[in-house]
Amino acid sequence: MFVGGTFFGVSVDLLREALLSLPVGPVDRDGVLDVLAGAWDRLDRDDTRMAAFKLNRLEAPHWDGSVLTFAVERHGGRMLGSTRAEVQHWEVDPRAATARVVRSTHRQLSPMSARLDVRPLAAEVAALILAGAHDDRLKWSADGTTVKVQIGRIVPADSARQTVTGRRRRFRAALDDELAGRWAGAAWKYTRPASA
């Protein structure tokens, strides 16, 4: 179709022609990559953040006679410090001019951080609070009735954000258990009960 000096749909037509001429089975990655990338922005896609240049990570293309399937490793989580990458599994229907993510899996790219046992840490910090001890992990009010836990010194942000968040949440729950009925806490601040 020709509109305002520009051909629309030519790339999709080329993709359709190229795919429909393939035998059923695995597809040569390099043979399909250029024509797929050329049509990509004209396909009706459910993930528009998947830009055509990201197709250079296309894996295991397969043609079943009506649909092209392939996987693409996405790096969004990796950029946030994750040790895993999302792997999206796509289906491209050249007749309908659609591209859909049909499922997502994950691939471990580097070893995960070891699981942190927060219970002993929480017991240690609770003992420091109960003893009124001065420690660089605690910041006391002038009158000694309130203490702020310096969580960054206990669970540093040295791993993926999701890992750090989970560790801090588990530590907070364990510390609350240790101090239950003795000190009241909110937002990393604990207050000595009036009777203590």
C-alpha atoms as a PDB file:
ATOM      1  CA  MET A   1       0.000   0.000   0.000  1.00  0.00           C
ATOM      2  CA  PHE A   2       1.343   3.458  -0.952  1.00  0.00           C
ATOM      3  CA  VAL A   3       0.384   6.377   1.345  1.00  0.00           C
ATOM      4  CA  GLY A   4       1.866   9.876   1.207  1.00  0.00           C
ATOM      5  CA  GLY A   5       5.043   8.799  -0.579  1.00  0.00           C
ATOM      6  CA  THR A   6       5.737   5.836   1.745  1.00  0.00           C
ATOM      7  CA  PHE A   7       5.203   2.127   1.232  1.00  0.00           C
ATOM      8  CA  PHE A   8       3.512   0.477   4.214  1.00  0.00           C
ATOM      9  CA  GLY A   9       3.341  -3.255   4.663  1.00  0.00           C
ATOM     10  CA  VAL A  10       6.168  -4.066   2.260  1.00  0.00           C
ATOM     11  CA  SER A  11       8.329  -5.360   5.117  1.00  0.00           C
ATOM     12  CA  VAL A  12       5.471  -7.500   6.422  1.00  0.00           C
ATOM     13  CA  ASP A  13       4.866  -8.799   2.898  1.00  0.00           C
ATOM     14  CA  LEU A  14       8.557  -9.720   2.601  1.00  0.00           C
ATOM     15  CA  LEU A  15       8.432 -11.475   5.965  1.00  0.00           C
ATOM     16  CA  ARG A  16       5.281 -13.358   4.965  1.00  0.00           C
ATOM     17  CA  GLU A  17       6.818 -14.394   1.646  1.00  0.00           C
ATOM     18  CA  ALA A  18      10.098 -15.471   3.263  1.00  0.00           C
ATOM     19  CA  LEU A  19       8.448 -17.512   6.015  1.00  0.00           C
ATOM     20  CA  LEU A  20       5.820 -19.175   3.838  1.00  0.00           C
ATOM     21  CA  SER A  21       8.569 -20.419   1.514  1.00  0.00           C
ATOM     22  CA  LEU A  22      10.455 -22.165   4.361  1.00  0.00           C
ATOM     23  CA  PRO A  23      10.270 -25.893   5.019  1.00  0.00           C
ATOM     24  CA  VAL A  24       8.862 -26.871   8.414  1.00  0.00           C
ATOM     25  CA  GLY A  25      11.555 -27.186  11.083  1.00  0.00           C
ATOM     26  CA  PRO A  26      14.484 -25.230  12.511  1.00  0.00           C
ATOM     27  CA  VAL A  27      15.244 -21.993  10.696  1.00  0.00           C
ATOM     28  CA  ASP A  28      18.648 -20.531   9.899  1.00  0.00           C
ATOM     29  CA  ARG A  29      18.912 -17.642  12.377  1.00  0.00           C
ATOM     30  CA  ASP A  30      20.890 -15.370  10.077  1.00  0.00           C
ATOM     31  CA  GLY A  31      18.555 -16.097   7.177  1.00  0.00           C
ATOM     32  CA  VAL A  32      15.448 -14.889   9.025  1.00  0.00           C
ATOM     33  CA  LEU A  33      16.943 -12.142  11.207  1.00  0.00           C
ATOM     34  CA  ASP A  34      17.080  -9.304   8.657  1.00  0.00           C
ATOM     35  CA  VAL A  35      13.618  -9.858   7.203  1.00  0.00           C
ATOM     36  CA  LEU A  36      12.094 -10.234  10.696  1.00  0.00           C
ATOM     37  CA  ALA A  37      13.822  -7.073  11.953  1.00  0.00           C
ATOM     38  CA  GLY A  38      12.667  -5.195   8.849  1.00  0.00           C
ATOM     39  CA  ALA A  39       9.027  -6.092   9.542  1.00  0.00           C
ATOM     40  CA  TRP A  40       9.176  -5.910  13.338  1.00  0.00           C
ATOM     41  CA  ASP A  41       7.839  -2.375  13.847  1.00  0.00           C
ATOM     42  CA  ARG A  42       4.920  -3.079  11.499  1.00  0.00           C
ATOM     43  CA  LEU A  43       3.753  -6.206  13.304  1.00  0.00           C
ATOM     44  CA  ASP A  44       0.944  -5.976  15.844  1.00  0.00           C
ATOM     45  CA  ARG A  45       2.962  -6.787  18.997  1.00  0.00           C
ATOM     46  CA  ASP A  46       1.930  -7.204  22.613  1.00  0.00           C
ATOM     47  CA  ASP A  47       5.364  -6.047  23.868  1.00  0.00           C
ATOM     48  CA  THR A  48       6.219  -2.785  22.153  1.00  0.00           C
ATOM     49  CA  ARG A  49       9.324  -2.336  24.329  1.00  0.00           C
ATOM     50  CA  MET A  50      10.924  -5.128  22.331  1.00  0.00           C
ATOM     51  CA  ALA A  51      12.771  -3.083  19.702  1.00  0.00           C
ATOM     52  CA  ALA A  52      13.908  -4.612  16.406  1.00  0.00           C
ATOM     53  CA  PHE A  53      17.614  -4.257  17.260  1.00  0.00           C
ATOM     54  CA  LYS A  54      17.097  -6.630  20.224  1.00  0.00           C
ATOM     55  CA  LEU A  55      16.310  -9.389  17.748  1.00  0.00           C
ATOM     56  CA  ASN A  56      20.068  -9.877  17.331  1.00  0.00           C
ATOM     57  CA  ARG A  57      19.686 -12.052  20.493  1.00  0.00           C
ATOM     58  CA  LEU A  58      17.162 -14.287  18.693  1.00  0.00           C
ATOM     59  CA  GLU A  59      17.591 -17.985  19.597  1.00  0.00           C
ATOM     60  CA  ALA A  60      16.256 -21.266  18.220  1.00  0.00           C
ATOM     61  CA  PRO A  61      13.954 -19.990  15.449  1.00  0.00           C
ATOM     62  CA  HIS A  62      11.532 -22.662  14.283  1.00  0.00           C
ATOM     63  CA  TRP A  63       8.892 -22.595  11.538  1.00  0.00           C
ATOM     64  CA  ASP A  64       5.864 -24.885  11.935  1.00  0.00           C
ATOM     65  CA  GLY A  65       4.269 -23.995   8.605  1.00  0.00           C
ATOM     66  CA  SER A  66       2.120 -21.168   9.957  1.00  0.00           C
ATOM     67  CA  VAL A  67       3.960 -19.638  12.947  1.00  0.00           C
ATOM     68  CA  LEU A  68       7.599 -18.719  13.547  1.00  0.00           C
ATOM     69  CA  THR A  69       8.688 -19.354  17.145  1.00  0.00           C
ATOM     70  CA  PHE A  70      11.892 -18.142  18.777  1.00  0.00           C
ATOM     71  CA  ALA A  71      13.344 -17.039  22.106  1.00  0.00           C
ATOM     72  CA  VAL A  72      15.015 -13.730  23.001  1.00  0.00           C
ATOM     73  CA  GLU A  73      17.028 -13.015  26.131  1.00  0.00           C
ATOM     74  CA  ARG A  74      15.957  -9.710  27.700  1.00  0.00           C
ATOM     75  CA  HIS A  75      18.398  -7.798  29.895  1.00  0.00           C
ATOM     76  CA  GLY A  76      16.185  -5.394  31.876  1.00  0.00           C
ATOM     77  CA  GLY A  77      16.637  -7.236  35.183  1.00  0.00           C
ATOM     78  CA  ARG A  78      20.333  -7.665  34.524  1.00  0.00           C
ATOM     79  CA  MET A  79      20.701  -3.891  34.267  1.00  0.00           C
ATOM     80  CA  LEU A  80      19.222  -3.653  37.778  1.00  0.00           C
ATOM     81  CA  GLY A  81      21.795  -6.076  39.172  1.00  0.00           C
ATOM     82  CA  SER A  82      19.925  -9.347  38.772  1.00  0.00           C
ATOM     83  CA  THR A  83      21.919 -12.528  38.213  1.00  0.00           C
ATOM     84  CA  ARG A  84      19.175 -13.792  35.887  1.00  0.00           C
ATOM     85  CA  ALA A  85      17.830 -12.713  32.525  1.00  0.00           C
ATOM     86  CA  GLU A  86      14.269 -13.061  31.320  1.00  0.00           C
ATOM     87  CA  VAL A  87      13.896 -15.245  28.237  1.00  0.00           C
ATOM     88  CA  GLN A  88      10.803 -14.401  26.216  1.00  0.00           C
ATOM     89  CA  HIS A  89       9.331 -17.021  23.903  1.00  0.00           C
ATOM     90  CA  TRP A  90       7.678 -15.423  20.880  1.00  0.00           C
ATOM     91  CA  GLU A  91       5.286 -16.511  18.147  1.00  0.00           C
ATOM     92  CA  VAL A  92       5.106 -14.552  14.898  1.00  0.00           C
ATOM     93  CA  ASP A  93       2.115 -15.208  12.647  1.00  0.00           C
ATOM     94  CA  PRO A  94       2.995 -13.720   9.246  1.00  0.00           C
ATOM     95  CA  ARG A  95      -0.542 -14.076   7.869  1.00  0.00           C
ATOM     96  CA  ALA A  96      -2.089 -12.104  10.747  1.00  0.00           C
ATOM     97  CA  ALA A  97       1.012  -9.848  11.009  1.00  0.00           C
ATOM     98  CA  THR A  98       1.212 -10.421  14.779  1.00  0.00           C
ATOM     99  CA  ALA A  99       4.015 -11.109  17.252  1.00  0.00           C
ATOM    100  CA  ARG A 100       3.119 -12.360  20.720  1.00  0.00           C
ATOM    101  CA  VAL A 101       5.039 -13.368  23.821  1.00  0.00           C
ATOM    102  CA  VAL A 102       3.604 -16.776  24.668  1.00  0.00           C
ATOM    103  CA  ARG A 103       5.642 -17.416  27.820  1.00  0.00           C
ATOM    104  CA  SER A 104       8.627 -16.185  29.780  1.00  0.00           C
ATOM    105  CA  THR A 105      11.323 -18.160  31.529  1.00  0.00           C
ATOM    106  CA  HIS A 106      14.540 -17.155  33.252  1.00  0.00           C
ATOM    107  CA  ARG A 107      18.166 -18.010  32.670  1.00  0.00           C
ATOM    108  CA  GLN A 108      20.791 -17.870  35.409  1.00  0.00           C
ATOM    109  CA  LEU A 109      23.673 -15.757  34.062  1.00  0.00           C
ATOM    110  CA  SER A 110      25.910 -15.689  37.111  1.00  0.00           C
ATOM    111  CA  PRO A 111      25.808 -17.341  40.530  1.00  0.00           C
ATOM    112  CA  MET A 112      23.134 -16.077  42.898  1.00  0.00           C
ATOM    113  CA  SER A 113      24.165 -14.463  46.163  1.00  0.00           C
ATOM    114  CA  ALA A 114      24.239 -16.913  49.046  1.00  0.00           C
ATOM    115  CA  ARG A 115      21.106 -16.882  51.175  1.00  0.00           C
ATOM    116  CA  LEU A 116      21.557 -14.710  54.251  1.00  0.00           C
ATOM    117  CA  ASP A 117      20.401 -16.184  57.556  1.00  0.00           C
ATOM    118  CA  VAL A 118      19.008 -13.065  59.244  1.00  0.00           C
ATOM    119  CA  ARG A 119      18.019 -14.714  62.553  1.00  0.00           C
ATOM    120  CA  PRO A 120      21.486 -14.565  64.208  1.00  0.00           C
ATOM    121  CA  LEU A 121      21.959 -11.007  62.942  1.00  0.00           C
ATOM    122  CA  ALA A 122      18.575  -9.959  64.327  1.00  0.00           C
ATOM    123  CA  ALA A 123      19.365 -11.602  67.686  1.00  0.00           C
ATOM    124  CA  GLU A 124      22.698  -9.734  67.834  1.00  0.00           C
ATOM    125  CA  VAL A 125      21.134  -6.340  67.017  1.00  0.00           C
ATOM    126  CA  ALA A 126      18.249  -6.939  69.444  1.00  0.00           C
ATOM    127  CA  ALA A 127      20.763  -7.724  72.218  1.00  0.00           C
ATOM    128  CA  LEU A 128      22.584  -4.464  71.449  1.00  0.00           C
ATOM    129  CA  ILE A 129      19.324  -2.502  71.621  1.00  0.00           C
ATOM    130  CA  LEU A 130      18.220  -4.148  74.873  1.00  0.00           C
ATOM    131  CA  ALA A 131      21.623  -3.424  76.419  1.00  0.00           C
ATOM    132  CA  GLY A 132      21.550   0.214  75.226  1.00  0.00           C
ATOM    133  CA  ALA A 133      24.883  -0.436  73.517  1.00  0.00           C
ATOM    134  CA  HIS A 134      26.551   2.088  71.275  1.00  0.00           C
ATOM    135  CA  ASP A 135      27.270   0.505  67.912  1.00  0.00           C
ATOM    136  CA  ASP A 136      27.707   1.987  64.420  1.00  0.00           C
ATOM    137  CA  ARG A 137      24.624   0.006  63.310  1.00  0.00           C
ATOM    138  CA  LEU A 138      22.442   1.905  65.803  1.00  0.00           C
ATOM    139  CA  LYS A 139      21.691   5.602  66.139  1.00  0.00           C
ATOM    140  CA  TRP A 140      20.309   6.552  69.530  1.00  0.00           C
ATOM    141  CA  SER A 141      18.206   9.584  70.431  1.00  0.00           C
ATOM    142  CA  ALA A 142      19.770  11.997  72.938  1.00  0.00           C
ATOM    143  CA  ASP A 143      17.592  10.677  75.780  1.00  0.00           C
ATOM    144  CA  GLY A 144      18.208   7.023  74.865  1.00  0.00           C
ATOM    145  CA  THR A 145      14.530   6.186  74.459  1.00  0.00           C
ATOM    146  CA  THR A 146      14.580   5.756  70.694  1.00  0.00           C
ATOM    147  CA  VAL A 147      17.004   3.924  68.457  1.00  0.00           C
ATOM    148  CA  LYS A 148      17.165   3.923  64.676  1.00  0.00           C
ATOM    149  CA  VAL A 149      18.570   0.800  63.048  1.00  0.00           C
ATOM    150  CA  GLN A 150      21.095   1.705  60.327  1.00  0.00           C
ATOM    151  CA  ILE A 151      19.941  -1.054  57.975  1.00  0.00           C
ATOM    152  CA  GLY A 152      22.481  -0.165  55.284  1.00  0.00           C
ATOM    153  CA  ARG A 153      25.245  -1.154  57.704  1.00  0.00           C
ATOM    154  CA  ILE A 154      23.572  -4.463  58.513  1.00  0.00           C
ATOM    155  CA  VAL A 155      22.276  -5.500  55.086  1.00  0.00           C
ATOM    156  CA  PRO A 156      24.256  -3.438  52.549  1.00  0.00           C
ATOM    157  CA  ALA A 157      22.965  -2.807  49.043  1.00  0.00           C
ATOM    158  CA  ASP A 158      25.661  -4.987  47.471  1.00  0.00           C
ATOM    159  CA  SER A 159      23.373  -7.364  45.572  1.00  0.00           C
ATOM    160  CA  ALA A 160      20.432  -7.108  43.204  1.00  0.00           C
ATOM    161  CA  ARG A 161      17.697  -4.788  44.461  1.00  0.00           C
ATOM    162  CA  GLN A 162      15.216  -7.632  44.860  1.00  0.00           C
ATOM    163  CA  THR A 163      17.745  -9.615  46.918  1.00  0.00           C
ATOM    164  CA  VAL A 164      18.528  -6.658  49.193  1.00  0.00           C
ATOM    165  CA  THR A 165      14.839  -5.845  49.644  1.00  0.00           C
ATOM    166  CA  GLY A 166      14.056  -9.438  50.579  1.00  0.00           C
ATOM    167  CA  ARG A 167      16.970  -9.660  53.012  1.00  0.00           C
ATOM    168  CA  ARG A 168      15.992  -6.408  54.710  1.00  0.00           C
ATOM    169  CA  ARG A 169      12.344  -7.456  54.958  1.00  0.00           C
ATOM    170  CA  ARG A 170      13.316 -10.799  56.537  1.00  0.00           C
ATOM    171  CA  PHE A 171      15.745  -9.072  58.917  1.00  0.00           C
ATOM    172  CA  ARG A 172      13.056  -6.587  59.975  1.00  0.00           C
ATOM    173  CA  ALA A 173      10.578  -9.406  60.695  1.00  0.00           C
ATOM    174  CA  ALA A 174      13.218 -11.304  62.697  1.00  0.00           C
ATOM    175  CA  LEU A 175      14.199  -8.178  64.681  1.00  0.00           C
ATOM    176  CA  ASP A 176      10.538  -7.400  65.399  1.00  0.00           C
ATOM    177  CA  ASP A 177      10.176 -10.967  66.725  1.00  0.00           C
ATOM    178  CA  GLU A 178      13.258 -10.539  68.938  1.00  0.00           C
ATOM    179  CA  LEU A 179      11.989  -7.241  70.380  1.00  0.00           C
ATOM    180  CA  ALA A 180       8.295  -8.183  70.585  1.00  0.00           C
ATOM    181  CA  GLY A 181       6.692  -6.888  73.754  1.00  0.00           C
ATOM    182  CA  ARG A 182       9.855  -5.068  74.791  1.00  0.00           C
ATOM    183  CA  TRP A 183      10.395  -2.285  72.225  1.00  0.00           C
ATOM    184  CA  ALA A 184       7.850  -0.906  69.721  1.00  0.00           C
ATOM    185  CA  GLY A 185       9.098  -0.443  66.164  1.00  0.00           C
ATOM    186  CA  ALA A 186       8.121   1.393  62.996  1.00  0.00           C
ATOM    187  CA  ALA A 187      10.185   2.377  59.950  1.00  0.00           C
ATOM    188  CA  TRP A 188      13.452   1.065  61.445  1.00  0.00           C
ATOM    189  CA  LYS A 189      12.902   3.130  64.647  1.00  0.00           C
ATOM    190  CA  TYR A 190      12.295   1.403  67.957  1.00  0.00           C
ATOM    191  CA  THR A 191      11.063   3.094  71.101  1.00  0.00           C
ATOM    192  CA  ARG A 192      11.649   1.920  74.653  1.00  0.00           C
ATOM    193  CA  PRO A 193       8.359   1.329  76.464  1.00  0.00           C
ATOM    194  CA  ALA A 194       7.563   3.904  79.151  1.00  0.00           C
ATOM    195  CA  SER A 195       7.726   1.240  81.901  1.00  0.00           C
ATOM    196  CA  ALA A 196      11.277   0.125  80.980  1.00  0.00           C
END
